[in-house]
Amino acid sequence: LRVLLIKLVDRLHNMRTLQYHNRPSQVRIARETQDIYAPLANRLGIYWLQVELEELSLKYLDPDGYHMLKTKLDAIAKEKEGYLQDIIAQIQAKLSEANIPSDIKSRIKHINSVYQKLKRQGQGVSFENVYDVLGVRVIVDTVGECYETLGIIHSMWKPIQSRIKDFIAMPKANMYQSLHTTVFGPGGERIEIQIR
């Protein structure tokens, strides 16, 4: 395991300094990182490392797509910051009423996640059709509180039935455990909420 961690961190350093290589080397190293190192980080449950490796890879494999999505996501992050803070305040108030201590943070979907989603959905699907760009992560103390929080959130906003996933009862292969739901928040915005 230590050897794998050293290899992953070494690859991260290589990716952060990839601009000093020639274009063919950049593409080769980025492809290898995307195909081998990012999935390995995912398998080990090191999500932050997986995300950074994937985004750095995308930056060299499709520079135009990367910069277009980065610009759009940065604009959304700026525009929706107040909206997400309001969502957090509403959830926090309801959880406080139910005596559920929590830590709540907002997030904007990562560039590579949006890129892969657009790629999966095929030609003709625009960025505007990606509905789970906005997200909130709620962390509570117990498994029971996870399910209770899910019920509270569904009582606040209408859930999208096909977007409810229970990774607590059925963890992912890397032992990731969380409840995911997507709801129609205030103003009809779709928001993905993860409860851990």
N, C-alpha and C. Protein backbone atom coordinates (compact mmCIF):
# COMPACT_ATOMS: atom_id res chain seq x y z
N LEU A 1 0.82 -1.20 0.00
CA LEU A 1 0.00 0.00 0.00
C LEU A 1 0.87 1.26 0.00
N ARG A 2 1.95 1.25 0.78
CA ARG A 2 2.84 2.42 0.82
C ARG A 2 3.45 2.70 -0.54
N VAL A 3 3.82 1.63 -1.24
CA VAL A 3 4.41 1.79 -2.58
C VAL A 3 3.38 2.43 -3.53
N LEU A 4 2.13 1.97 -3.45
CA LEU A 4 1.08 2.55 -4.30
C LEU A 4 0.87 4.02 -3.98
N LEU A 5 0.86 4.37 -2.71
CA LEU A 5 0.68 5.77 -2.32
C LEU A 5 1.82 6.64 -2.85
N ILE A 6 3.04 6.13 -2.76
CA ILE A 6 4.20 6.88 -3.27
C ILE A 6 4.08 7.06 -4.78
N LYS A 7 3.68 6.00 -5.49
CA LYS A 7 3.51 6.10 -6.94
C LYS A 7 2.42 7.12 -7.30
N LEU A 8 1.32 7.11 -6.55
CA LEU A 8 0.23 8.04 -6.83
C LEU A 8 0.66 9.49 -6.60
N VAL A 9 1.35 9.73 -5.50
CA VAL A 9 1.78 11.10 -5.20
C VAL A 9 2.86 11.55 -6.20
N ASP A 10 3.72 10.63 -6.61
CA ASP A 10 4.73 10.95 -7.63
C ASP A 10 4.04 11.32 -8.95
N ARG A 11 3.00 10.57 -9.30
CA ARG A 11 2.27 10.87 -10.53
C ARG A 11 1.56 12.22 -10.41
N LEU A 12 1.03 12.52 -9.26
CA LEU A 12 0.38 13.82 -9.06
C LEU A 12 1.39 14.95 -9.29
N HIS A 13 2.58 14.79 -8.75
CA HIS A 13 3.63 15.80 -8.96
C HIS A 13 3.97 15.92 -10.45
N ASN A 14 4.08 14.78 -11.13
CA ASN A 14 4.35 14.79 -12.58
C ASN A 14 3.26 15.52 -13.34
N MET A 15 2.00 15.30 -12.95
CA MET A 15 0.89 15.94 -13.64
C MET A 15 0.87 17.44 -13.38
N ARG A 16 1.24 17.85 -12.19
CA ARG A 16 1.26 19.28 -11.86
C ARG A 16 2.36 20.03 -12.60
N THR A 17 3.36 19.30 -13.09
CA THR A 17 4.47 19.93 -13.81
C THR A 17 4.51 19.50 -15.28
N LEU A 18 3.41 19.02 -15.79
CA LEU A 18 3.35 18.47 -17.15
C LEU A 18 3.55 19.52 -18.24
N GLN A 19 3.34 20.79 -17.93
CA GLN A 19 3.49 21.85 -18.93
C GLN A 19 4.93 21.95 -19.45
N TYR A 20 5.89 21.37 -18.76
CA TYR A 20 7.28 21.45 -19.17
C TYR A 20 7.68 20.33 -20.15
N HIS A 21 6.74 19.43 -20.46
CA HIS A 21 6.99 18.35 -21.42
C HIS A 21 6.50 18.78 -22.81
N ASN A 22 6.97 18.07 -23.84
CA ASN A 22 6.47 18.34 -25.18
C ASN A 22 5.06 17.74 -25.32
N ARG A 23 4.34 18.17 -26.35
CA ARG A 23 2.93 17.78 -26.52
C ARG A 23 2.71 16.27 -26.58
N PRO A 24 3.48 15.51 -27.36
CA PRO A 24 3.26 14.06 -27.37
C PRO A 24 3.44 13.42 -25.99
N SER A 25 4.42 13.87 -25.23
CA SER A 25 4.63 13.33 -23.88
C SER A 25 3.47 13.71 -22.96
N GLN A 26 2.99 14.93 -23.11
CA GLN A 26 1.86 15.37 -22.29
C GLN A 26 0.65 14.46 -22.51
N VAL A 27 0.34 14.18 -23.77
CA VAL A 27 -0.82 13.35 -24.10
C VAL A 27 -0.61 11.92 -23.59
N ARG A 28 0.57 11.37 -23.79
CA ARG A 28 0.85 10.00 -23.33
C ARG A 28 0.73 9.88 -21.82
N ILE A 29 1.34 10.81 -21.10
CA ILE A 29 1.32 10.76 -19.63
C ILE A 29 -0.10 11.01 -19.10
N ALA A 30 -0.81 11.95 -19.71
CA ALA A 30 -2.19 12.25 -19.28
C ALA A 30 -3.10 11.04 -19.52
N ARG A 31 -2.96 10.39 -20.66
CA ARG A 31 -3.78 9.21 -20.96
C ARG A 31 -3.50 8.09 -19.94
N GLU A 32 -2.23 7.85 -19.67
CA GLU A 32 -1.83 6.82 -18.69
C GLU A 32 -2.40 7.16 -17.30
N THR A 33 -2.35 8.43 -16.95
CA THR A 33 -2.88 8.87 -15.65
C THR A 33 -4.38 8.64 -15.58
N GLN A 34 -5.07 8.99 -16.65
CA GLN A 34 -6.52 8.82 -16.70
C GLN A 34 -6.92 7.34 -16.66
N ASP A 35 -6.16 6.50 -17.36
CA ASP A 35 -6.52 5.09 -17.47
C ASP A 35 -6.08 4.23 -16.29
N ILE A 36 -4.98 4.60 -15.63
CA ILE A 36 -4.42 3.75 -14.58
C ILE A 36 -4.43 4.41 -13.20
N TYR A 37 -3.85 5.59 -13.08
CA TYR A 37 -3.64 6.19 -11.77
C TYR A 37 -4.91 6.75 -11.13
N ALA A 38 -5.74 7.43 -11.89
CA ALA A 38 -6.99 7.97 -11.33
C ALA A 38 -7.92 6.84 -10.86
N PRO A 39 -8.12 5.77 -11.67
CA PRO A 39 -8.94 4.66 -11.18
C PRO A 39 -8.34 3.98 -9.94
N LEU A 40 -7.02 3.93 -9.87
CA LEU A 40 -6.37 3.35 -8.69
C LEU A 40 -6.66 4.19 -7.45
N ALA A 41 -6.57 5.50 -7.58
CA ALA A 41 -6.89 6.40 -6.46
C ALA A 41 -8.34 6.21 -6.04
N ASN A 42 -9.23 6.05 -7.01
CA ASN A 42 -10.64 5.81 -6.70
C ASN A 42 -10.80 4.50 -5.94
N ARG A 43 -10.14 3.47 -6.42
CA ARG A 43 -10.24 2.14 -5.80
C ARG A 43 -9.76 2.16 -4.35
N LEU A 44 -8.76 3.02 -4.08
CA LEU A 44 -8.23 3.14 -2.72
C LEU A 44 -9.05 4.10 -1.87
N GLY A 45 -10.06 4.75 -2.48
CA GLY A 45 -10.93 5.65 -1.74
C GLY A 45 -10.33 7.03 -1.51
N ILE A 46 -9.33 7.41 -2.31
CA ILE A 46 -8.69 8.72 -2.18
C ILE A 46 -9.31 9.64 -3.22
N TYR A 47 -10.51 10.12 -2.91
CA TYR A 47 -11.33 10.84 -3.87
C TYR A 47 -10.67 12.13 -4.34
N TRP A 48 -10.10 12.92 -3.43
CA TRP A 48 -9.51 14.21 -3.81
C TRP A 48 -8.38 14.00 -4.82
N LEU A 49 -7.62 12.92 -4.65
CA LEU A 49 -6.51 12.63 -5.55
C LEU A 49 -7.04 12.18 -6.92
N GLN A 50 -8.06 11.35 -6.91
CA GLN A 50 -8.68 10.92 -8.17
C GLN A 50 -9.16 12.12 -8.96
N VAL A 51 -9.87 13.04 -8.29
CA VAL A 51 -10.43 14.22 -8.97
C VAL A 51 -9.32 15.06 -9.58
N GLU A 52 -8.27 15.33 -8.81
CA GLU A 52 -7.19 16.17 -9.34
C GLU A 52 -6.47 15.49 -10.51
N LEU A 53 -6.22 14.19 -10.42
CA LEU A 53 -5.57 13.48 -11.52
C LEU A 53 -6.45 13.51 -12.77
N GLU A 54 -7.75 13.30 -12.61
CA GLU A 54 -8.66 13.31 -13.76
C GLU A 54 -8.72 14.69 -14.41
N GLU A 55 -8.79 15.72 -13.59
CA GLU A 55 -8.91 17.07 -14.16
C GLU A 55 -7.61 17.51 -14.83
N LEU A 56 -6.47 17.17 -14.25
CA LEU A 56 -5.20 17.49 -14.90
C LEU A 56 -5.05 16.71 -16.20
N SER A 57 -5.50 15.47 -16.22
CA SER A 57 -5.46 14.67 -17.45
C SER A 57 -6.32 15.30 -18.53
N LEU A 58 -7.54 15.68 -18.17
CA LEU A 58 -8.45 16.29 -19.14
C LEU A 58 -7.87 17.57 -19.71
N LYS A 59 -7.19 18.33 -18.88
CA LYS A 59 -6.59 19.60 -19.31
C LYS A 59 -5.63 19.40 -20.48
N TYR A 60 -4.97 18.24 -20.54
CA TYR A 60 -4.02 17.97 -21.63
C TYR A 60 -4.62 17.12 -22.74
N LEU A 61 -5.63 16.31 -22.43
CA LEU A 61 -6.23 15.46 -23.46
C LEU A 61 -7.26 16.21 -24.30
N ASP A 62 -7.97 17.17 -23.70
CA ASP A 62 -8.93 17.99 -24.43
C ASP A 62 -8.89 19.41 -23.86
N PRO A 63 -7.85 20.17 -24.19
CA PRO A 63 -7.68 21.51 -23.61
C PRO A 63 -8.87 22.44 -23.86
N ASP A 64 -9.45 22.39 -25.06
CA ASP A 64 -10.59 23.26 -25.37
C ASP A 64 -11.80 22.91 -24.50
N GLY A 65 -12.12 21.61 -24.43
CA GLY A 65 -13.25 21.17 -23.61
C GLY A 65 -13.04 21.51 -22.14
N TYR A 66 -11.82 21.31 -21.66
CA TYR A 66 -11.49 21.60 -20.27
C TYR A 66 -11.71 23.08 -19.96
N HIS A 67 -11.16 23.96 -20.79
CA HIS A 67 -11.26 25.40 -20.52
C HIS A 67 -12.69 25.92 -20.67
N MET A 68 -13.46 25.36 -21.62
CA MET A 68 -14.85 25.75 -21.78
C MET A 68 -15.66 25.39 -20.53
N LEU A 69 -15.49 24.15 -20.05
CA LEU A 69 -16.22 23.72 -18.86
C LEU A 69 -15.76 24.46 -17.61
N LYS A 70 -14.47 24.70 -17.49
CA LYS A 70 -13.95 25.42 -16.32
C LYS A 70 -14.56 26.82 -16.25
N THR A 71 -14.62 27.50 -17.39
CA THR A 71 -15.20 28.84 -17.44
C THR A 71 -16.67 28.81 -17.01
N LYS A 72 -17.43 27.84 -17.53
CA LYS A 72 -18.85 27.75 -17.20
C LYS A 72 -19.07 27.40 -15.73
N LEU A 73 -18.29 26.45 -15.22
CA LEU A 73 -18.46 26.04 -13.83
C LEU A 73 -18.03 27.14 -12.86
N ASP A 74 -16.99 27.88 -13.21
CA ASP A 74 -16.57 29.01 -12.37
C ASP A 74 -17.67 30.07 -12.32
N ALA A 75 -18.33 30.31 -13.46
CA ALA A 75 -19.41 31.31 -13.51
C ALA A 75 -20.59 30.86 -12.66
N ILE A 76 -20.93 29.57 -12.75
CA ILE A 76 -22.04 29.03 -11.95
C ILE A 76 -21.70 29.12 -10.47
N ALA A 77 -20.47 28.78 -10.11
CA ALA A 77 -20.06 28.84 -8.71
C ALA A 77 -20.24 30.24 -8.15
N LYS A 78 -19.86 31.23 -8.94
CA LYS A 78 -19.98 32.63 -8.50
C LYS A 78 -21.46 33.04 -8.41
N GLU A 79 -22.23 32.67 -9.43
CA GLU A 79 -23.63 33.06 -9.50
C GLU A 79 -24.49 32.39 -8.44
N LYS A 80 -24.21 31.13 -8.12
CA LYS A 80 -25.07 30.34 -7.24
C LYS A 80 -24.57 30.25 -5.80
N GLU A 81 -23.51 30.96 -5.47
CA GLU A 81 -22.95 30.88 -4.12
C GLU A 81 -23.99 31.23 -3.05
N GLY A 82 -24.72 32.32 -3.23
CA GLY A 82 -25.75 32.74 -2.28
C GLY A 82 -26.89 31.74 -2.21
N TYR A 83 -27.28 31.21 -3.37
CA TYR A 83 -28.36 30.22 -3.44
C TYR A 83 -28.00 28.99 -2.62
N LEU A 84 -26.77 28.50 -2.79
CA LEU A 84 -26.34 27.31 -2.05
C LEU A 84 -26.25 27.58 -0.55
N GLN A 85 -25.82 28.76 -0.17
CA GLN A 85 -25.75 29.11 1.25
C GLN A 85 -27.16 29.13 1.85
N ASP A 86 -28.15 29.58 1.08
CA ASP A 86 -29.53 29.58 1.54
C ASP A 86 -30.04 28.15 1.72
N ILE A 87 -29.71 27.27 0.79
CA ILE A 87 -30.10 25.86 0.88
C ILE A 87 -29.49 25.25 2.15
N ILE A 88 -28.21 25.52 2.38
CA ILE A 88 -27.53 25.00 3.57
C ILE A 88 -28.22 25.49 4.84
N ALA A 89 -28.56 26.77 4.89
CA ALA A 89 -29.22 27.33 6.06
C ALA A 89 -30.58 26.65 6.31
N GLN A 90 -31.33 26.39 5.24
CA GLN A 90 -32.63 25.73 5.38
C GLN A 90 -32.48 24.30 5.91
N ILE A 91 -31.51 23.57 5.36
CA ILE A 91 -31.28 22.19 5.83
C ILE A 91 -30.81 22.21 7.28
N GLN A 92 -29.88 23.10 7.59
CA GLN A 92 -29.35 23.22 8.95
C GLN A 92 -30.47 23.49 9.95
N ALA A 93 -31.40 24.38 9.62
CA ALA A 93 -32.51 24.71 10.51
C ALA A 93 -33.40 23.48 10.77
N LYS A 94 -33.72 22.75 9.70
CA LYS A 94 -34.57 21.55 9.86
C LYS A 94 -33.86 20.47 10.67
N LEU A 95 -32.56 20.28 10.44
CA LEU A 95 -31.82 19.27 11.19
C LEU A 95 -31.68 19.67 12.66
N SER A 96 -31.53 20.95 12.92
CA SER A 96 -31.45 21.44 14.31
C SER A 96 -32.77 21.17 15.03
N GLU A 97 -33.90 21.40 14.34
CA GLU A 97 -35.21 21.10 14.93
C GLU A 97 -35.32 19.63 15.31
N ALA A 98 -34.71 18.77 14.50
CA ALA A 98 -34.76 17.32 14.74
C ALA A 98 -33.63 16.85 15.66
N ASN A 99 -32.84 17.79 16.19
CA ASN A 99 -31.69 17.48 17.07
C ASN A 99 -30.67 16.55 16.40
N ILE A 100 -30.39 16.84 15.12
CA ILE A 100 -29.38 16.08 14.39
C ILE A 100 -28.19 17.00 14.14
N PRO A 101 -27.08 16.79 14.86
CA PRO A 101 -25.89 17.61 14.59
C PRO A 101 -25.34 17.27 13.21
N SER A 102 -24.90 18.30 12.48
CA SER A 102 -24.43 18.05 11.12
C SER A 102 -23.38 19.06 10.70
N ASP A 103 -22.64 18.68 9.68
CA ASP A 103 -21.69 19.56 9.02
C ASP A 103 -22.14 19.59 7.55
N ILE A 104 -22.45 20.77 7.03
CA ILE A 104 -23.01 20.87 5.68
C ILE A 104 -22.14 21.77 4.83
N LYS A 105 -21.80 21.29 3.63
CA LYS A 105 -20.99 22.08 2.70
C LYS A 105 -21.63 22.01 1.32
N SER A 106 -21.38 23.04 0.53
CA SER A 106 -21.87 23.03 -0.86
C SER A 106 -20.73 22.64 -1.78
N ARG A 107 -21.09 22.26 -3.00
CA ARG A 107 -20.07 21.95 -3.99
C ARG A 107 -20.63 22.16 -5.39
N ILE A 108 -19.73 22.45 -6.31
CA ILE A 108 -20.06 22.50 -7.73
C ILE A 108 -19.41 21.27 -8.34
N LYS A 109 -20.12 20.60 -9.22
CA LYS A 109 -19.62 19.36 -9.83
C LYS A 109 -18.25 19.58 -10.46
N HIS A 110 -17.39 18.58 -10.35
CA HIS A 110 -16.03 18.67 -10.90
C HIS A 110 -16.05 18.66 -12.43
N ILE A 111 -15.06 19.30 -13.00
CA ILE A 111 -14.98 19.46 -14.46
C ILE A 111 -15.03 18.11 -15.16
N ASN A 112 -14.24 17.15 -14.71
CA ASN A 112 -14.18 15.86 -15.38
C ASN A 112 -15.51 15.11 -15.28
N SER A 113 -16.22 15.26 -14.15
CA SER A 113 -17.53 14.61 -14.00
C SER A 113 -18.51 15.13 -15.05
N VAL A 114 -18.53 16.45 -15.23
CA VAL A 114 -19.43 17.04 -16.22
C VAL A 114 -19.01 16.60 -17.62
N TYR A 115 -17.71 16.61 -17.89
CA TYR A 115 -17.18 16.21 -19.19
C TYR A 115 -17.59 14.77 -19.52
N GLN A 116 -17.41 13.87 -18.56
CA GLN A 116 -17.76 12.46 -18.78
C GLN A 116 -19.26 12.28 -18.98
N LYS A 117 -20.04 13.04 -18.22
CA LYS A 117 -21.50 12.95 -18.35
C LYS A 117 -21.93 13.41 -19.75
N LEU A 118 -21.36 14.52 -20.23
CA LEU A 118 -21.69 15.00 -21.58
C LEU A 118 -21.27 13.98 -22.62
N LYS A 119 -20.12 13.37 -22.42
CA LYS A 119 -19.61 12.37 -23.36
C LYS A 119 -20.53 11.14 -23.40
N ARG A 120 -20.98 10.70 -22.22
CA ARG A 120 -21.87 9.53 -22.13
C ARG A 120 -23.21 9.80 -22.81
N GLN A 121 -23.71 11.03 -22.65
CA GLN A 121 -25.03 11.36 -23.20
C GLN A 121 -24.99 11.65 -24.69
N GLY A 122 -23.79 11.79 -25.24
CA GLY A 122 -23.63 11.88 -26.69
C GLY A 122 -23.75 13.28 -27.26
N GLN A 123 -23.61 13.33 -28.58
CA GLN A 123 -23.69 14.60 -29.32
C GLN A 123 -25.07 15.20 -29.14
N GLY A 124 -25.14 16.50 -29.21
CA GLY A 124 -26.42 17.18 -29.13
C GLY A 124 -26.86 17.50 -27.71
N VAL A 125 -26.15 16.97 -26.71
CA VAL A 125 -26.48 17.28 -25.33
C VAL A 125 -25.59 18.43 -24.89
N SER A 126 -26.21 19.49 -24.41
CA SER A 126 -25.44 20.67 -24.04
C SER A 126 -25.19 20.72 -22.54
N PHE A 127 -24.28 21.59 -22.16
CA PHE A 127 -23.93 21.79 -20.76
C PHE A 127 -25.18 22.14 -19.95
N GLU A 128 -26.09 22.89 -20.53
CA GLU A 128 -27.30 23.32 -19.83
C GLU A 128 -28.19 22.14 -19.46
N ASN A 129 -28.00 20.97 -20.08
CA ASN A 129 -28.80 19.79 -19.78
C ASN A 129 -28.20 18.94 -18.66
N VAL A 130 -27.09 19.36 -18.07
CA VAL A 130 -26.52 18.65 -16.93
C VAL A 130 -27.14 19.26 -15.69
N TYR A 131 -27.97 18.47 -15.00
CA TYR A 131 -28.80 19.04 -13.94
C TYR A 131 -28.21 18.93 -12.54
N ASP A 132 -27.20 18.12 -12.34
CA ASP A 132 -26.69 17.96 -10.97
C ASP A 132 -25.36 18.68 -10.78
N VAL A 133 -25.24 19.86 -11.39
CA VAL A 133 -24.02 20.66 -11.25
C VAL A 133 -23.91 21.19 -9.82
N LEU A 134 -25.05 21.56 -9.22
CA LEU A 134 -25.06 22.07 -7.86
C LEU A 134 -25.20 20.90 -6.88
N GLY A 135 -24.49 20.98 -5.78
CA GLY A 135 -24.59 19.90 -4.80
C GLY A 135 -24.36 20.37 -3.39
N VAL A 136 -24.89 19.58 -2.46
CA VAL A 136 -24.71 19.83 -1.04
C VAL A 136 -24.32 18.50 -0.39
N ARG A 137 -23.36 18.56 0.51
CA ARG A 137 -22.90 17.38 1.24
C ARG A 137 -23.23 17.56 2.72
N VAL A 138 -24.02 16.64 3.27
CA VAL A 138 -24.42 16.69 4.68
C VAL A 138 -23.75 15.53 5.41
N ILE A 139 -23.00 15.86 6.46
CA ILE A 139 -22.33 14.82 7.24
C ILE A 139 -22.95 14.78 8.63
N VAL A 140 -23.44 13.60 9.01
CA VAL A 140 -24.06 13.40 10.32
C VAL A 140 -23.31 12.31 11.08
N ASP A 141 -23.73 12.04 12.32
CA ASP A 141 -22.96 11.14 13.19
C ASP A 141 -23.23 9.65 13.00
N THR A 142 -24.48 9.28 12.67
CA THR A 142 -24.81 7.85 12.62
C THR A 142 -25.53 7.49 11.33
N VAL A 143 -25.58 6.20 11.06
CA VAL A 143 -26.30 5.70 9.89
C VAL A 143 -27.79 6.04 10.00
N GLY A 144 -28.34 5.87 11.19
CA GLY A 144 -29.76 6.21 11.41
C GLY A 144 -30.05 7.66 11.08
N GLU A 145 -29.13 8.55 11.47
CA GLU A 145 -29.30 9.98 11.17
C GLU A 145 -29.20 10.25 9.68
N CYS A 146 -28.45 9.42 8.95
CA CYS A 146 -28.39 9.57 7.48
C CYS A 146 -29.78 9.38 6.88
N TYR A 147 -30.45 8.30 7.28
CA TYR A 147 -31.77 8.01 6.73
C TYR A 147 -32.80 9.02 7.22
N GLU A 148 -32.68 9.46 8.47
CA GLU A 148 -33.58 10.48 8.99
C GLU A 148 -33.41 11.80 8.23
N THR A 149 -32.17 12.15 7.94
CA THR A 149 -31.87 13.36 7.18
C THR A 149 -32.46 13.27 5.77
N LEU A 150 -32.35 12.10 5.16
CA LEU A 150 -32.93 11.90 3.83
C LEU A 150 -34.44 12.17 3.86
N GLY A 151 -35.12 11.64 4.88
CA GLY A 151 -36.56 11.87 5.02
C GLY A 151 -36.89 13.34 5.21
N ILE A 152 -36.08 14.04 6.00
CA ILE A 152 -36.30 15.46 6.23
C ILE A 152 -36.14 16.25 4.93
N ILE A 153 -35.08 15.94 4.18
CA ILE A 153 -34.83 16.65 2.92
C ILE A 153 -35.95 16.38 1.92
N HIS A 154 -36.43 15.13 1.87
CA HIS A 154 -37.53 14.82 0.94
C HIS A 154 -38.83 15.48 1.37
N SER A 155 -38.96 15.80 2.67
CA SER A 155 -40.16 16.53 3.10
C SER A 155 -40.04 18.02 2.76
N MET A 156 -38.82 18.50 2.56
CA MET A 156 -38.60 19.91 2.22
C MET A 156 -38.77 20.17 0.72
N TRP A 157 -38.23 19.27 -0.09
CA TRP A 157 -38.24 19.45 -1.54
C TRP A 157 -38.58 18.13 -2.21
N LYS A 158 -39.20 18.23 -3.37
CA LYS A 158 -39.61 17.02 -4.11
C LYS A 158 -38.39 16.30 -4.68
N PRO A 159 -38.24 15.01 -4.35
CA PRO A 159 -37.10 14.25 -4.91
C PRO A 159 -37.40 13.76 -6.32
N ILE A 160 -36.33 13.52 -7.07
CA ILE A 160 -36.44 12.90 -8.38
C ILE A 160 -36.23 11.41 -8.14
N GLN A 161 -37.28 10.63 -8.31
CA GLN A 161 -37.29 9.22 -7.92
C GLN A 161 -36.11 8.42 -8.47
N SER A 162 -35.78 8.65 -9.73
CA SER A 162 -34.71 7.86 -10.36
C SER A 162 -33.32 8.27 -9.90
N ARG A 163 -33.24 9.34 -9.09
CA ARG A 163 -31.94 9.86 -8.67
C ARG A 163 -31.67 9.63 -7.18
N ILE A 164 -32.35 8.63 -6.58
CA ILE A 164 -32.10 8.28 -5.18
C ILE A 164 -31.25 7.03 -5.16
N LYS A 165 -30.07 7.12 -4.52
CA LYS A 165 -29.15 5.98 -4.48
C LYS A 165 -28.71 5.73 -3.04
N ASP A 166 -28.74 4.48 -2.64
CA ASP A 166 -28.36 4.09 -1.28
C ASP A 166 -27.04 3.31 -1.31
N PHE A 167 -25.95 4.04 -1.13
CA PHE A 167 -24.63 3.41 -1.08
C PHE A 167 -24.24 3.05 0.35
N ILE A 168 -25.16 3.22 1.30
CA ILE A 168 -24.89 2.76 2.66
C ILE A 168 -25.26 1.28 2.74
N ALA A 169 -26.47 0.95 2.28
CA ALA A 169 -26.90 -0.45 2.27
C ALA A 169 -26.08 -1.27 1.28
N MET A 170 -25.69 -0.64 0.17
CA MET A 170 -24.91 -1.32 -0.86
C MET A 170 -23.71 -0.46 -1.21
N PRO A 171 -22.61 -0.53 -0.42
CA PRO A 171 -21.43 0.31 -0.67
C PRO A 171 -20.81 0.05 -2.04
N LYS A 172 -20.13 1.07 -2.57
CA LYS A 172 -19.39 0.90 -3.82
C LYS A 172 -18.21 -0.04 -3.57
N ALA A 173 -17.55 -0.44 -4.64
CA ALA A 173 -16.42 -1.38 -4.54
C ALA A 173 -15.29 -0.83 -3.67
N ASN A 174 -15.13 0.50 -3.64
CA ASN A 174 -14.06 1.09 -2.83
C ASN A 174 -14.53 1.39 -1.39
N MET A 175 -15.69 0.81 -1.01
CA MET A 175 -16.29 0.94 0.32
C MET A 175 -16.88 2.33 0.59
N TYR A 176 -17.09 3.12 -0.45
CA TYR A 176 -17.75 4.42 -0.33
C TYR A 176 -19.17 4.19 0.16
N GLN A 177 -19.57 4.93 1.19
CA GLN A 177 -20.91 4.81 1.73
C GLN A 177 -21.55 6.19 1.87
N SER A 178 -22.71 6.36 1.27
CA SER A 178 -23.40 7.63 1.30
C SER A 178 -24.79 7.44 0.72
N LEU A 179 -25.71 8.33 1.09
CA LEU A 179 -27.01 8.39 0.43
C LEU A 179 -26.97 9.55 -0.55
N HIS A 180 -27.44 9.33 -1.77
CA HIS A 180 -27.50 10.39 -2.77
C HIS A 180 -28.95 10.60 -3.16
N THR A 181 -29.34 11.84 -3.28
CA THR A 181 -30.67 12.16 -3.80
C THR A 181 -30.55 13.46 -4.58
N THR A 182 -31.38 13.60 -5.58
CA THR A 182 -31.47 14.86 -6.32
C THR A 182 -32.89 15.37 -6.13
N VAL A 183 -33.00 16.64 -5.74
CA VAL A 183 -34.31 17.23 -5.45
C VAL A 183 -34.50 18.49 -6.29
N PHE A 184 -35.78 18.87 -6.44
CA PHE A 184 -36.10 20.17 -7.04
C PHE A 184 -36.09 21.17 -5.90
N GLY A 185 -35.04 21.97 -5.80
CA GLY A 185 -34.93 22.97 -4.74
C GLY A 185 -35.73 24.22 -5.06
N PRO A 186 -35.55 25.26 -4.25
CA PRO A 186 -36.25 26.52 -4.51
C PRO A 186 -35.98 27.01 -5.94
N GLY A 187 -37.02 27.51 -6.57
CA GLY A 187 -36.89 28.00 -7.93
C GLY A 187 -36.80 26.90 -8.97
N GLY A 188 -37.05 25.66 -8.56
CA GLY A 188 -37.00 24.54 -9.50
C GLY A 188 -35.61 24.06 -9.86
N GLU A 189 -34.58 24.59 -9.20
CA GLU A 189 -33.20 24.15 -9.45
C GLU A 189 -33.02 22.71 -8.98
N ARG A 190 -32.35 21.91 -9.77
CA ARG A 190 -32.03 20.55 -9.35
C ARG A 190 -30.75 20.58 -8.53
N ILE A 191 -30.81 19.96 -7.35
CA ILE A 191 -29.66 19.95 -6.46
C ILE A 191 -29.40 18.52 -6.03
N GLU A 192 -28.16 18.07 -6.18
CA GLU A 192 -27.79 16.75 -5.68
C GLU A 192 -27.37 16.91 -4.23
N ILE A 193 -27.93 16.07 -3.37
CA ILE A 193 -27.58 16.10 -1.96
C ILE A 193 -27.01 14.74 -1.58
N GLN A 194 -25.82 14.78 -0.98
CA GLN A 194 -25.16 13.56 -0.50
C GLN A 194 -25.19 13.60 1.02
N ILE A 195 -25.61 12.49 1.62
CA ILE A 195 -25.71 12.41 3.08
C ILE A 195 -24.80 11.29 3.54
N ARG A 196 -23.85 11.65 4.42
CA ARG A 196 -22.88 10.66 4.89
C ARG A 196 -22.86 10.64 6.40
